[in-house]
Amino acid sequence: VLFAILLIIGAVKNNPYMCFTWVVWASFCLVVEIALGLMVIIGTVHLAAGQTEIPQQNWGMIPAALTMGYICTAVIVGSVAFLIYAIMVVCSFYRELKEGVDSSKGSYQMQEKV
């Protein structure tokens, strides 16, 4: 939440460095999310391949576990794709703000309250 607030304040005040902190945080979150996603995918494939020791009384839970694994995989893939898109958008905005700070005239002029 703190980094989202910094992003919003940075966008309103035309401060590229406040936006950059969000990019760094989102990139860290992306790496963590990819790592966790790989663990879920590997576990799901491992279970689907039947390479897991499961007691016979729990065999009825395998379809439910596989379904949850597939759903979690789909959610993680969608979340990673959205986060990559958001990082690209904010990086583009950061570059626009940085060009505006360097040349004293940015391509995005924020309206100021009178």
PDB file of N, CA and C in Angstrom:
ATOM      1  N   VAL A   1       0.829  -1.181   0.000  1.00  0.00           N
ATOM      2  CA  VAL A   1       0.000   0.000   0.000  1.00  0.00           C
ATOM      3  C   VAL A   1       0.881   1.255   0.000  1.00  0.00           C
ATOM      4  N   LEU A   2       1.977   1.205   0.741  1.00  0.00           N
ATOM      5  CA  LEU A   2       2.878   2.354   0.817  1.00  0.00           C
ATOM      6  C   LEU A   2       3.447   2.685  -0.560  1.00  0.00           C
ATOM      7  N   PHE A   3       3.829   1.664  -1.313  1.00  0.00           N
ATOM      8  CA  PHE A   3       4.419   1.905  -2.628  1.00  0.00           C
ATOM      9  C   PHE A   3       3.371   2.391  -3.626  1.00  0.00           C
ATOM     10  N   ALA A   4       2.139   1.951  -3.473  1.00  0.00           N
ATOM     11  CA  ALA A   4       1.066   2.460  -4.333  1.00  0.00           C
ATOM     12  C   ALA A   4       0.807   3.931  -4.049  1.00  0.00           C
ATOM     13  N   ILE A   5       0.875   4.312  -2.777  1.00  0.00           N
ATOM     14  CA  ILE A   5       0.710   5.722  -2.416  1.00  0.00           C
ATOM     15  C   ILE A   5       1.847   6.550  -2.995  1.00  0.00           C
ATOM     16  N   LEU A   6       3.083   6.015  -2.906  1.00  0.00           N
ATOM     17  CA  LEU A   6       4.225   6.722  -3.497  1.00  0.00           C
ATOM     18  C   LEU A   6       4.057   6.883  -5.007  1.00  0.00           C
ATOM     19  N   LEU A   7       3.522   5.853  -5.665  1.00  0.00           N
ATOM     20  CA  LEU A   7       3.285   5.938  -7.108  1.00  0.00           C
ATOM     21  C   LEU A   7       2.277   7.030  -7.430  1.00  0.00           C
ATOM     22  N   ILE A   8       1.195   7.071  -6.692  1.00  0.00           N
ATOM     23  CA  ILE A   8       0.160   8.077  -6.945  1.00  0.00           C
ATOM     24  C   ILE A   8       0.697   9.487  -6.680  1.00  0.00           C
ATOM     25  N   ILE A   9       1.394   9.663  -5.562  1.00  0.00           N
ATOM     26  CA  ILE A   9       1.953  10.980  -5.253  1.00  0.00           C
ATOM     27  C   ILE A   9       2.991  11.372  -6.301  1.00  0.00           C
ATOM     28  N   GLY A  10       3.822  10.431  -6.711  1.00  0.00           N
ATOM     29  CA  GLY A  10       4.825  10.710  -7.738  1.00  0.00           C
ATOM     30  C   GLY A  10       4.203  11.104  -9.062  1.00  0.00           C
ATOM     31  N   ALA A  11       3.094  10.475  -9.414  1.00  0.00           N
ATOM     32  CA  ALA A  11       2.419  10.821 -10.671  1.00  0.00           C
ATOM     33  C   ALA A  11       1.776  12.198 -10.585  1.00  0.00           C
ATOM     34  N   VAL A  12       1.174  12.505  -9.456  1.00  0.00           N
ATOM     35  CA  VAL A  12       0.507  13.798  -9.300  1.00  0.00           C
ATOM     36  C   VAL A  12       1.518  14.940  -9.233  1.00  0.00           C
ATOM     37  N   LYS A  13       2.623  14.704  -8.534  1.00  0.00           N
ATOM     38  CA  LYS A  13       3.614  15.766  -8.347  1.00  0.00           C
ATOM     39  C   LYS A  13       4.710  15.756  -9.423  1.00  0.00           C
ATOM     40  N   ASN A  14       4.558  14.915 -10.449  1.00  0.00           N
ATOM     41  CA  ASN A  14       5.558  14.793 -11.522  1.00  0.00           C
ATOM     42  C   ASN A  14       6.941  14.465 -10.976  1.00  0.00           C
ATOM     43  N   ASN A  15       7.009  13.572 -10.014  1.00  0.00           N
ATOM     44  CA  ASN A  15       8.267  13.154  -9.423  1.00  0.00           C
ATOM     45  C   ASN A  15       8.591  11.739  -9.905  1.00  0.00           C
ATOM     46  N   PRO A  16       9.538  11.591 -10.840  1.00  0.00           N
ATOM     47  CA  PRO A  16       9.813  10.264 -11.396  1.00  0.00           C
ATOM     48  C   PRO A  16      10.417   9.296 -10.390  1.00  0.00           C
ATOM     49  N   TYR A  17      11.136   9.799  -9.392  1.00  0.00           N
ATOM     50  CA  TYR A  17      11.810   8.912  -8.453  1.00  0.00           C
ATOM     51  C   TYR A  17      10.834   8.239  -7.496  1.00  0.00           C
ATOM     52  N   MET A  18       9.734   8.894  -7.208  1.00  0.00           N
ATOM     53  CA  MET A  18       8.712   8.248  -6.385  1.00  0.00           C
ATOM     54  C   MET A  18       8.031   7.132  -7.178  1.00  0.00           C
ATOM     55  N   CYS A  19       7.889   7.320  -8.479  1.00  0.00           N
ATOM     56  CA  CYS A  19       7.327   6.257  -9.324  1.00  0.00           C
ATOM     57  C   CYS A  19       8.305   5.098  -9.439  1.00  0.00           C
ATOM     58  N   PHE A  20       9.591   5.418  -9.463  1.00  0.00           N
ATOM     59  CA  PHE A  20      10.607   4.376  -9.611  1.00  0.00           C
ATOM     60  C   PHE A  20      10.627   3.425  -8.420  1.00  0.00           C
ATOM     61  N   THR A  21      10.316   3.928  -7.217  1.00  0.00           N
ATOM     62  CA  THR A  21      10.279   3.042  -6.059  1.00  0.00           C
ATOM     63  C   THR A  21       9.212   1.961  -6.236  1.00  0.00           C
ATOM     64  N   TRP A  22       8.095   2.319  -6.873  1.00  0.00           N
ATOM     65  CA  TRP A  22       7.050   1.323  -7.131  1.00  0.00           C
ATOM     66  C   TRP A  22       7.560   0.280  -8.122  1.00  0.00           C
ATOM     67  N   VAL A  23       8.311   0.711  -9.131  1.00  0.00           N
ATOM     68  CA  VAL A  23       8.843  -0.221 -10.132  1.00  0.00           C
ATOM     69  C   VAL A  23       9.783  -1.226  -9.466  1.00  0.00           C
ATOM     70  N   VAL A  24      10.639  -0.751  -8.574  1.00  0.00           N
ATOM     71  CA  VAL A  24      11.564  -1.647  -7.866  1.00  0.00           C
ATOM     72  C   VAL A  24      10.775  -2.643  -7.014  1.00  0.00           C
ATOM     73  N   TRP A  25       9.800  -2.156  -6.263  1.00  0.00           N
ATOM     74  CA  TRP A  25       8.992  -3.038  -5.417  1.00  0.00           C
ATOM     75  C   TRP A  25       8.202  -4.041  -6.264  1.00  0.00           C
ATOM     76  N   ALA A  26       7.605  -3.588  -7.339  1.00  0.00           N
ATOM     77  CA  ALA A  26       6.818  -4.487  -8.190  1.00  0.00           C
ATOM     78  C   ALA A  26       7.716  -5.534  -8.843  1.00  0.00           C
ATOM     79  N   SER A  27       8.924  -5.154  -9.198  1.00  0.00           N
ATOM     80  CA  SER A  27       9.862  -6.125  -9.778  1.00  0.00           C
ATOM     81  C   SER A  27      10.239  -7.191  -8.762  1.00  0.00           C
ATOM     82  N   PHE A  28      10.458  -6.783  -7.518  1.00  0.00           N
ATOM     83  CA  PHE A  28      10.736  -7.751  -6.454  1.00  0.00           C
ATOM     84  C   PHE A  28       9.544  -8.689  -6.260  1.00  0.00           C
ATOM     85  N   CYS A  29       8.340  -8.131  -6.235  1.00  0.00           N
ATOM     86  CA  CYS A  29       7.129  -8.947  -6.089  1.00  0.00           C
ATOM     87  C   CYS A  29       6.969  -9.902  -7.265  1.00  0.00           C
ATOM     88  N   LEU A  30       7.337  -9.452  -8.457  1.00  0.00           N
ATOM     89  CA  LEU A  30       7.244 -10.303  -9.641  1.00  0.00           C
ATOM     90  C   LEU A  30       8.172 -11.510  -9.518  1.00  0.00           C
ATOM     91  N   VAL A  31       9.390 -11.290  -9.058  1.00  0.00           N
ATOM     92  CA  VAL A  31      10.336 -12.396  -8.888  1.00  0.00           C
ATOM     93  C   VAL A  31       9.811 -13.395  -7.862  1.00  0.00           C
ATOM     94  N   VAL A  32       9.298 -12.895  -6.751  1.00  0.00           N
ATOM     95  CA  VAL A  32       8.752 -13.775  -5.710  1.00  0.00           C
ATOM     96  C   VAL A  32       7.541 -14.543  -6.243  1.00  0.00           C
ATOM     97  N   GLU A  33       6.681 -13.858  -6.978  1.00  0.00           N
ATOM     98  CA  GLU A  33       5.482 -14.506  -7.506  1.00  0.00           C
ATOM     99  C   GLU A  33       5.827 -15.581  -8.541  1.00  0.00           C
ATOM    100  N   ILE A  34       6.827 -15.317  -9.359  1.00  0.00           N
ATOM    101  CA  ILE A  34       7.260 -16.328 -10.330  1.00  0.00           C
ATOM    102  C   ILE A  34       7.830 -17.546  -9.610  1.00  0.00           C
ATOM    103  N   ALA A  35       8.618 -17.321  -8.562  1.00  0.00           N
ATOM    104  CA  ALA A  35       9.185 -18.435  -7.805  1.00  0.00           C
ATOM    105  C   ALA A  35       8.083 -19.272  -7.159  1.00  0.00           C
ATOM    106  N   LEU A  36       7.124 -18.609  -6.529  1.00  0.00           N
ATOM    107  CA  LEU A  36       6.021 -19.344  -5.911  1.00  0.00           C
ATOM    108  C   LEU A  36       5.166 -20.054  -6.962  1.00  0.00           C
ATOM    109  N   GLY A  37       4.973 -19.402  -8.097  1.00  0.00           N
ATOM    110  CA  GLY A  37       4.217 -20.018  -9.184  1.00  0.00           C
ATOM    111  C   GLY A  37       4.886 -21.275  -9.706  1.00  0.00           C
ATOM    112  N   LEU A  38       6.205 -21.216  -9.826  1.00  0.00           N
ATOM    113  CA  LEU A  38       6.935 -22.407 -10.276  1.00  0.00           C
ATOM    114  C   LEU A  38       6.787 -23.553  -9.279  1.00  0.00           C
ATOM    115  N   MET A  39       6.779 -23.230  -7.994  1.00  0.00           N
ATOM    116  CA  MET A  39       6.579 -24.276  -6.989  1.00  0.00           C
ATOM    117  C   MET A  39       5.200 -24.907  -7.122  1.00  0.00           C
ATOM    118  N   VAL A  40       4.181 -24.103  -7.353  1.00  0.00           N
ATOM    119  CA  VAL A  40       2.822 -24.636  -7.517  1.00  0.00           C
ATOM    120  C   VAL A  40       2.733 -25.473  -8.781  1.00  0.00           C
ATOM    121  N   ILE A  41       3.313 -24.982  -9.869  1.00  0.00           N
ATOM    122  CA  ILE A  41       3.262 -25.725 -11.135  1.00  0.00           C
ATOM    123  C   ILE A  41       4.001 -27.052 -11.011  1.00  0.00           C
ATOM    124  N   ILE A  42       5.186 -27.033 -10.401  1.00  0.00           N
ATOM    125  CA  ILE A  42       5.949 -28.276 -10.236  1.00  0.00           C
ATOM    126  C   ILE A  42       5.185 -29.258  -9.357  1.00  0.00           C
ATOM    127  N   GLY A  43       4.573 -28.773  -8.290  1.00  0.00           N
ATOM    128  CA  GLY A  43       3.783 -29.649  -7.422  1.00  0.00           C
ATOM    129  C   GLY A  43       2.579 -30.241  -8.134  1.00  0.00           C
ATOM    130  N   THR A  44       1.922 -29.429  -8.961  1.00  0.00           N
ATOM    131  CA  THR A  44       0.755 -29.916  -9.707  1.00  0.00           C
ATOM    132  C   THR A  44       1.159 -30.963 -10.734  1.00  0.00           C
ATOM    133  N   VAL A  45       2.240 -30.699 -11.464  1.00  0.00           N
ATOM    134  CA  VAL A  45       2.716 -31.676 -12.461  1.00  0.00           C
ATOM    135  C   VAL A  45       3.172 -32.949 -11.771  1.00  0.00           C
ATOM    136  N   HIS A  46       3.836 -32.803 -10.646  1.00  0.00           N
ATOM    137  CA  HIS A  46       4.300 -33.960  -9.889  1.00  0.00           C
ATOM    138  C   HIS A  46       3.117 -34.812  -9.428  1.00  0.00           C
ATOM    139  N   LEU A  47       2.064 -34.170  -8.971  1.00  0.00           N
ATOM    140  CA  LEU A  47       0.868 -34.888  -8.537  1.00  0.00           C
ATOM    141  C   LEU A  47       0.152 -35.524  -9.730  1.00  0.00           C
ATOM    142  N   ALA A  48       0.077 -34.785 -10.844  1.00  0.00           N
ATOM    143  CA  ALA A  48      -0.611 -35.313 -12.028  1.00  0.00           C
ATOM    144  C   ALA A  48       0.119 -36.508 -12.616  1.00  0.00           C
ATOM    145  N   ALA A  49       1.441 -36.516 -12.488  1.00  0.00           N
ATOM    146  CA  ALA A  49       2.227 -37.621 -13.042  1.00  0.00           C
ATOM    147  C   ALA A  49       2.174 -38.860 -12.152  1.00  0.00           C
ATOM    148  N   GLY A  50       1.588 -38.709 -10.971  1.00  0.00           N
ATOM    149  CA  GLY A  50       1.460 -39.864 -10.082  1.00  0.00           C
ATOM    150  C   GLY A  50       2.741 -40.200  -9.363  1.00  0.00           C
ATOM    151  N   GLN A  51       3.632 -39.253  -9.205  1.00  0.00           N
ATOM    152  CA  GLN A  51       4.912 -39.503  -8.554  1.00  0.00           C
ATOM    153  C   GLN A  51       4.880 -39.151  -7.068  1.00  0.00           C
ATOM    154  N   THR A  52       3.707 -39.014  -6.519  1.00  0.00           N
ATOM    155  CA  THR A  52       3.571 -38.646  -5.113  1.00  0.00           C
ATOM    156  C   THR A  52       3.012 -39.833  -4.334  1.00  0.00           C
ATOM    157  N   GLU A  53       3.602 -40.093  -3.196  1.00  0.00           N
ATOM    158  CA  GLU A  53       3.105 -41.159  -2.331  1.00  0.00           C
ATOM    159  C   GLU A  53       1.856 -40.665  -1.609  1.00  0.00           C
ATOM    160  N   ILE A  54       0.720 -41.220  -1.983  1.00  0.00           N
ATOM    161  CA  ILE A  54      -0.546 -40.829  -1.372  1.00  0.00           C
ATOM    162  C   ILE A  54      -1.197 -42.088  -0.799  1.00  0.00           C
ATOM    163  N   PRO A  55      -1.562 -42.048   0.489  1.00  0.00           N
ATOM    164  CA  PRO A  55      -2.248 -43.216   1.056  1.00  0.00           C
ATOM    165  C   PRO A  55      -3.536 -43.519   0.295  1.00  0.00           C
ATOM    166  N   GLN A  56      -3.893 -44.787   0.250  1.00  0.00           N
ATOM    167  CA  GLN A  56      -5.039 -45.212  -0.546  1.00  0.00           C
ATOM    168  C   GLN A  56      -6.338 -44.549  -0.101  1.00  0.00           C
ATOM    169  N   GLN A  57      -6.502 -44.259   1.179  1.00  0.00           N
ATOM    170  CA  GLN A  57      -7.743 -43.638   1.636  1.00  0.00           C
ATOM    171  C   GLN A  57      -7.881 -42.199   1.147  1.00  0.00           C
ATOM    172  N   ASN A  58      -6.812 -41.573   0.659  1.00  0.00           N
ATOM    173  CA  ASN A  58      -6.864 -40.197   0.165  1.00  0.00           C
ATOM    174  C   ASN A  58      -6.885 -40.107  -1.362  1.00  0.00           C
ATOM    175  N   TRP A  59      -7.011 -41.221  -2.052  1.00  0.00           N
ATOM    176  CA  TRP A  59      -7.013 -41.200  -3.516  1.00  0.00           C
ATOM    177  C   TRP A  59      -8.177 -40.399  -4.078  1.00  0.00           C
ATOM    178  N   GLY A  60      -9.276 -40.335  -3.353  1.00  0.00           N
ATOM    179  CA  GLY A  60     -10.442 -39.593  -3.817  1.00  0.00           C
ATOM    180  C   GLY A  60     -10.204 -38.090  -3.869  1.00  0.00           C
ATOM    181  N   MET A  61      -9.178 -37.613  -3.183  1.00  0.00           N
ATOM    182  CA  MET A  61      -8.886 -36.181  -3.156  1.00  0.00           C
ATOM    183  C   MET A  61      -7.984 -35.744  -4.304  1.00  0.00           C
ATOM    184  N   ILE A  62      -7.442 -36.672  -5.061  1.00  0.00           N
ATOM    185  CA  ILE A  62      -6.513 -36.318  -6.135  1.00  0.00           C
ATOM    186  C   ILE A  62      -7.173 -35.421  -7.180  1.00  0.00           C
ATOM    187  N   PRO A  63      -8.383 -35.722  -7.681  1.00  0.00           N
ATOM    188  CA  PRO A  63      -8.977 -34.810  -8.667  1.00  0.00           C
ATOM    189  C   PRO A  63      -9.197 -33.399  -8.125  1.00  0.00           C
ATOM    190  N   ALA A  64      -9.610 -33.296  -6.873  1.00  0.00           N
ATOM    191  CA  ALA A  64      -9.808 -31.968  -6.282  1.00  0.00           C
ATOM    192  C   ALA A  64      -8.473 -31.231  -6.145  1.00  0.00           C
ATOM    193  N   ALA A  65      -7.432 -31.941  -5.745  1.00  0.00           N
ATOM    194  CA  ALA A  65      -6.108 -31.322  -5.605  1.00  0.00           C
ATOM    195  C   ALA A  65      -5.581 -30.869  -6.961  1.00  0.00           C
ATOM    196  N   LEU A  66      -5.789 -31.688  -7.980  1.00  0.00           N
ATOM    197  CA  LEU A  66      -5.345 -31.303  -9.325  1.00  0.00           C
ATOM    198  C   LEU A  66      -6.123 -30.094  -9.828  1.00  0.00           C
ATOM    199  N   THR A  67      -7.425 -30.078  -9.579  1.00  0.00           N
ATOM    200  CA  THR A  67      -8.243 -28.938 -10.006  1.00  0.00           C
ATOM    201  C   THR A  67      -7.770 -27.656  -9.333  1.00  0.00           C
ATOM    202  N   MET A  68      -7.506 -27.719  -8.037  1.00  0.00           N
ATOM    203  CA  MET A  68      -7.005 -26.540  -7.325  1.00  0.00           C
ATOM    204  C   MET A  68      -5.635 -26.135  -7.849  1.00  0.00           C
ATOM    205  N   GLY A  69      -4.794 -27.112  -8.174  1.00  0.00           N
ATOM    206  CA  GLY A  69      -3.482 -26.801  -8.736  1.00  0.00           C
ATOM    207  C   GLY A  69      -3.603 -26.089 -10.069  1.00  0.00           C
ATOM    208  N   TYR A  70      -4.516 -26.555 -10.917  1.00  0.00           N
ATOM    209  CA  TYR A  70      -4.720 -25.907 -12.222  1.00  0.00           C
ATOM    210  C   TYR A  70      -5.297 -24.496 -12.061  1.00  0.00           C
ATOM    211  N   ILE A  71      -6.239 -24.345 -11.114  1.00  0.00           N
ATOM    212  CA  ILE A  71      -6.814 -23.013 -10.879  1.00  0.00           C
ATOM    213  C   ILE A  71      -5.758 -22.063 -10.346  1.00  0.00           C
ATOM    214  N   CYS A  72      -4.962 -22.513  -9.383  1.00  0.00           N
ATOM    215  CA  CYS A  72      -3.892 -21.664  -8.838  1.00  0.00           C
ATOM    216  C   CYS A  72      -2.879 -21.298  -9.916  1.00  0.00           C
ATOM    217  N   THR A  73      -2.556 -22.238 -10.791  1.00  0.00           N
ATOM    218  CA  THR A  73      -1.628 -21.964 -11.885  1.00  0.00           C
ATOM    219  C   THR A  73      -2.196 -20.895 -12.806  1.00  0.00           C
ATOM    220  N   ALA A  74      -3.469 -20.994 -13.140  1.00  0.00           N
ATOM    221  CA  ALA A  74      -4.092 -19.999 -14.016  1.00  0.00           C
ATOM    222  C   ALA A  74      -4.111 -18.617 -13.358  1.00  0.00           C
ATOM    223  N   VAL A  75      -4.415 -18.569 -12.068  1.00  0.00           N
ATOM    224  CA  VAL A  75      -4.434 -17.284 -11.355  1.00  0.00           C
ATOM    225  C   VAL A  75      -3.027 -16.685 -11.308  1.00  0.00           C
ATOM    226  N   ILE A  76      -2.032 -17.502 -11.055  1.00  0.00           N
ATOM    227  CA  ILE A  76      -0.653 -17.011 -10.978  1.00  0.00           C
ATOM    228  C   ILE A  76      -0.187 -16.505 -12.336  1.00  0.00           C
ATOM    229  N   VAL A  77      -0.489 -17.241 -13.397  1.00  0.00           N
ATOM    230  CA  VAL A  77      -0.092 -16.801 -14.748  1.00  0.00           C
ATOM    231  C   VAL A  77      -0.769 -15.473 -15.089  1.00  0.00           C
ATOM    232  N   GLY A  78      -2.055 -15.344 -14.774  1.00  0.00           N
ATOM    233  CA  GLY A  78      -2.757 -14.086 -15.025  1.00  0.00           C
ATOM    234  C   GLY A  78      -2.193 -12.944 -14.209  1.00  0.00           C
ATOM    235  N   SER A  79      -1.872 -13.214 -12.959  1.00  0.00           N
ATOM    236  CA  SER A  79      -1.320 -12.190 -12.080  1.00  0.00           C
ATOM    237  C   SER A  79       0.069 -11.751 -12.549  1.00  0.00           C
ATOM    238  N   VAL A  80       0.890 -12.686 -12.960  1.00  0.00           N
ATOM    239  CA  VAL A  80       2.230 -12.351 -13.472  1.00  0.00           C
ATOM    240  C   VAL A  80       2.110 -11.527 -14.748  1.00  0.00           C
ATOM    241  N   ALA A  81       1.207 -11.915 -15.634  1.00  0.00           N
ATOM    242  CA  ALA A  81       1.025 -11.162 -16.881  1.00  0.00           C
ATOM    243  C   ALA A  81       0.567  -9.734 -16.587  1.00  0.00           C
ATOM    244  N   PHE A  82      -0.370  -9.570 -15.656  1.00  0.00           N
ATOM    245  CA  PHE A  82      -0.846  -8.228 -15.308  1.00  0.00           C
ATOM    246  C   PHE A  82       0.260  -7.406 -14.663  1.00  0.00           C
ATOM    247  N   LEU A  83       1.057  -8.010 -13.789  1.00  0.00           N
ATOM    248  CA  LEU A  83       2.135  -7.285 -13.126  1.00  0.00           C
ATOM    249  C   LEU A  83       3.210  -6.851 -14.120  1.00  0.00           C
ATOM    250  N   ILE A  84       3.509  -7.706 -15.089  1.00  0.00           N
ATOM    251  CA  ILE A  84       4.471  -7.323 -16.136  1.00  0.00           C
ATOM    252  C   ILE A  84       3.924  -6.134 -16.917  1.00  0.00           C
ATOM    253  N   TYR A  85       2.651  -6.172 -17.272  1.00  0.00           N
ATOM    254  CA  TYR A  85       2.033  -5.055 -17.994  1.00  0.00           C
ATOM    255  C   TYR A  85       2.079  -3.772 -17.162  1.00  0.00           C
ATOM    256  N   ALA A  86       1.743  -3.873 -15.869  1.00  0.00           N
ATOM    257  CA  ALA A  86       1.754  -2.696 -15.001  1.00  0.00           C
ATOM    258  C   ALA A  86       3.161  -2.117 -14.874  1.00  0.00           C
ATOM    259  N   ILE A  87       4.159  -2.974 -14.761  1.00  0.00           N
ATOM    260  CA  ILE A  87       5.543  -2.498 -14.683  1.00  0.00           C
ATOM    261  C   ILE A  87       5.930  -1.783 -15.971  1.00  0.00           C
ATOM    262  N   MET A  88       5.524  -2.325 -17.104  1.00  0.00           N
ATOM    263  CA  MET A  88       5.831  -1.675 -18.381  1.00  0.00           C
ATOM    264  C   MET A  88       5.173  -0.303 -18.469  1.00  0.00           C
ATOM    265  N   VAL A  89       3.929  -0.185 -18.027  1.00  0.00           N
ATOM    266  CA  VAL A  89       3.218   1.097 -18.077  1.00  0.00           C
ATOM    267  C   VAL A  89       3.895   2.118 -17.167  1.00  0.00           C
ATOM    268  N   VAL A  90       4.213   1.718 -15.945  1.00  0.00           N
ATOM    269  CA  VAL A  90       4.822   2.655 -15.007  1.00  0.00           C
ATOM    270  C   VAL A  90       6.241   3.020 -15.450  1.00  0.00           C
ATOM    271  N   CYS A  91       6.976   2.072 -16.027  1.00  0.00           N
ATOM    272  CA  CYS A  91       8.312   2.395 -16.561  1.00  0.00           C
ATOM    273  C   CYS A  91       8.206   3.409 -17.691  1.00  0.00           C
ATOM    274  N   SER A  92       7.221   3.258 -18.535  1.00  0.00           N
ATOM    275  CA  SER A  92       7.009   4.221 -19.613  1.00  0.00           C
ATOM    276  C   SER A  92       6.680   5.599 -19.046  1.00  0.00           C
ATOM    277  N   PHE A  93       5.820   5.627 -18.055  1.00  0.00           N
ATOM    278  CA  PHE A  93       5.470   6.894 -17.417  1.00  0.00           C
ATOM    279  C   PHE A  93       6.683   7.499 -16.709  1.00  0.00           C
ATOM    280  N   TYR A  94       7.486   6.652 -16.083  1.00  0.00           N
ATOM    281  CA  TYR A  94       8.715   7.111 -15.424  1.00  0.00           C
ATOM    282  C   TYR A  94       9.648   7.772 -16.432  1.00  0.00           C
ATOM    283  N   ARG A  95       9.818   7.139 -17.594  1.00  0.00           N
ATOM    284  CA  ARG A  95      10.677   7.734 -18.630  1.00  0.00           C
ATOM    285  C   ARG A  95      10.127   9.066 -19.117  1.00  0.00           C
ATOM    286  N   GLU A  96       8.821   9.141 -19.272  1.00  0.00           N
ATOM    287  CA  GLU A  96       8.207  10.403 -19.692  1.00  0.00           C
ATOM    288  C   GLU A  96       8.431  11.494 -18.646  1.00  0.00           C
ATOM    289  N   LEU A  97       8.252  11.148 -17.384  1.00  0.00           N
ATOM    290  CA  LEU A  97       8.485  12.127 -16.329  1.00  0.00           C
ATOM    291  C   LEU A  97       9.963  12.515 -16.260  1.00  0.00           C
ATOM    292  N   LYS A  98      10.844  11.548 -16.416  1.00  0.00           N
ATOM    293  CA  LYS A  98      12.280  11.828 -16.355  1.00  0.00           C
ATOM    294  C   LYS A  98      12.688  12.753 -17.488  1.00  0.00           C
ATOM    295  N   GLU A  99      12.156  12.523 -18.682  1.00  0.00           N
ATOM    296  CA  GLU A  99      12.444  13.431 -19.795  1.00  0.00           C
ATOM    297  C   GLU A  99      11.904  14.828 -19.492  1.00  0.00           C
ATOM    298  N   GLY A 100      10.757  14.890 -18.842  1.00  0.00           N
ATOM    299  CA  GLY A 100      10.174  16.174 -18.487  1.00  0.00           C
ATOM    300  C   GLY A 100      11.002  16.908 -17.452  1.00  0.00           C
ATOM    301  N   VAL A 101      11.572  16.158 -16.486  1.00  0.00           N
ATOM    302  CA  VAL A 101      12.407  16.779 -15.460  1.00  0.00           C
ATOM    303  C   VAL A 101      13.710  17.253 -16.081  1.00  0.00           C
ATOM    304  N   ASP A 102      14.294  16.455 -16.976  1.00  0.00           N
ATOM    305  CA  ASP A 102      15.571  16.815 -17.588  1.00  0.00           C
ATOM    306  C   ASP A 102      15.451  17.979 -18.554  1.00  0.00           C
ATOM    307  N   SER A 103      14.364  18.029 -19.309  1.00  0.00           N
ATOM    308  CA  SER A 103      14.242  19.088 -20.308  1.00  0.00           C
ATOM    309  C   SER A 103      13.302  20.209 -19.866  1.00  0.00           C
ATOM    310  N   SER A 104      12.823  20.126 -18.662  1.00  0.00           N
ATOM    311  CA  SER A 104      11.904  21.102 -18.062  1.00  0.00           C
ATOM    312  C   SER A 104      10.585  21.231 -18.805  1.00  0.00           C
ATOM    313  N   LYS A 105      10.323  20.308 -19.724  1.00  0.00           N
ATOM    314  CA  LYS A 105       9.010  20.283 -20.366  1.00  0.00           C
ATOM    315  C   LYS A 105       8.656  18.823 -20.648  1.00  0.00           C
ATOM    316  N   GLY A 106       7.738  18.277 -19.883  1.00  0.00           N
ATOM    317  CA  GLY A 106       7.352  16.893 -20.074  1.00  0.00           C
ATOM    318  C   GLY A 106       6.222  16.755 -21.084  1.00  0.00           C
ATOM    319  N   SER A 107       6.057  15.550 -21.580  1.00  0.00           N
ATOM    320  CA  SER A 107       4.980  15.324 -22.538  1.00  0.00           C
ATOM    321  C   SER A 107       3.636  15.178 -21.822  1.00  0.00           C
ATOM    322  N   TYR A 108       3.679  14.844 -20.536  1.00  0.00           N
ATOM    323  CA  TYR A 108       2.451  14.739 -19.742  1.00  0.00           C
ATOM    324  C   TYR A 108       2.424  15.917 -18.770  1.00  0.00           C
ATOM    325  N   GLN A 109       1.576  16.833 -19.014  1.00  0.00           N
ATOM    326  CA  GLN A 109       1.448  17.960 -18.106  1.00  0.00           C
ATOM    327  C   GLN A 109       0.246  17.715 -17.202  1.00  0.00           C
ATOM    328  N   MET A 110       0.507  17.634 -15.927  1.00  0.00           N
ATOM    329  CA  MET A 110      -0.577  17.427 -14.970  1.00  0.00           C
ATOM    330  C   MET A 110      -1.277  18.766 -14.731  1.00  0.00           C
ATOM    331  N   GLN A 111      -2.568  18.704 -14.581  1.00  0.00           N
ATOM    332  CA  GLN A 111      -3.311  19.922 -14.295  1.00  0.00           C
ATOM    333  C   GLN A 111      -3.155  20.252 -12.814  1.00  0.00           C
ATOM    334  N   GLU A 112      -2.904  21.482 -12.540  1.00  0.00           N
ATOM    335  CA  GLU A 112      -2.762  21.905 -11.158  1.00  0.00           C
ATOM    336  C   GLU A 112      -4.025  22.613 -10.736  1.00  0.00           C
ATOM    337  N   LYS A 113      -4.354  22.446  -9.449  1.00  0.00           N
ATOM    338  CA  LYS A 113      -5.545  23.104  -8.917  1.00  0.00           C
ATOM    339  C   LYS A 113      -5.276  24.592  -8.783  1.00  0.00           C
ATOM    340  N   VAL A 114      -6.283  25.358  -9.090  1.00  0.00           N
ATOM    341  CA  VAL A 114      -6.157  26.803  -9.009  1.00  0.00           C
ATOM    342  C   VAL A 114      -6.541  27.278  -7.634  1.00  0.00           C
TER     343      VAL A 114
END
